[in-house]
Amino acid sequence: MSHEAVFVDLDNTLYPYQPCNEAGQQAAWETATDRGYDVSRAAFESLYSRARAAVKREVSETASAHDRGLYFKRAIELQAGTPNAADALALADAYWDAYIDALSLFDGVRETLDRLRDAGLDVAVVTNLTTRVQLRKLAATGLADRVDCVLTSQEVGREKPASVMFTVPLARLGVAPADAVMVGDSVASDVVGANGVGLTSVLCNNDRTGLTGRESPDHRIESFRDVTDVVL
């Protein structure tokens, strides 16, 4: 089967998320203690988790559900009993600065994207999160100039697996669903979403088994560089 476009998820598909998140949380905690909050790292993580859960309940299935600024704003309110805009901004900035500094792509990502585009395929990053943060990641890793389209869930007001997250980049690139591939690490977001719209679904960096129906990917690959075996 020939393909005209490859859609790729960003987080945990092109780079490992956990080391970045750990670096970000450490930096945010250090900033909190520097600004006078008497809280241990363990207590800080507990506050963060409670705040994150509350935000996700209130704004689920939107890009705001991932907004660290909202998490830290709520965490400060839980800790101090009152909002503090300056501190919330400082913690969020510290988190994302450290996160970006720790970001390192999986082996072969740049080379694979170059191969796809050299072969005449359009490449789109289709990602759940806020636009500014995702653009920072793409710029910091040198990927911004290697893709033809970027769509974040903030732009359309819905998150994968919502069909609009796939139909919008299809329309922008002028590609039919049957001619596009979606590569991602999430069954619920990437595979289910792609299957629902009619894209070829490729599950990457995920060894989950027993998948059936809309959760069943068309292909599995162990690393992103293997996507060329599917589309070229």
Foldseek 3Di string as FASTA:
>chain_A
DAFAAEEEEDDPAFWDQVVLQVQLLVQLVVLCVVVPQPADSVRLVVLLVVQLVVLCVVQPQAQSSVQQLSSLQSSCCVRVVDGDNVSSVVSSVRSLVRSLVRTDTDPPPLVLLVVCVVVNHAYEYQYEHDDVSVVSNCVSHVNPVSHDYYDYRNVVGGAALPQCSPVVVCVVVVHQQDNYEYEYQDLRGTQLSSVVRNHQYEHECYPDDDDDDSSDHNYYDDHPSCVVVVHD
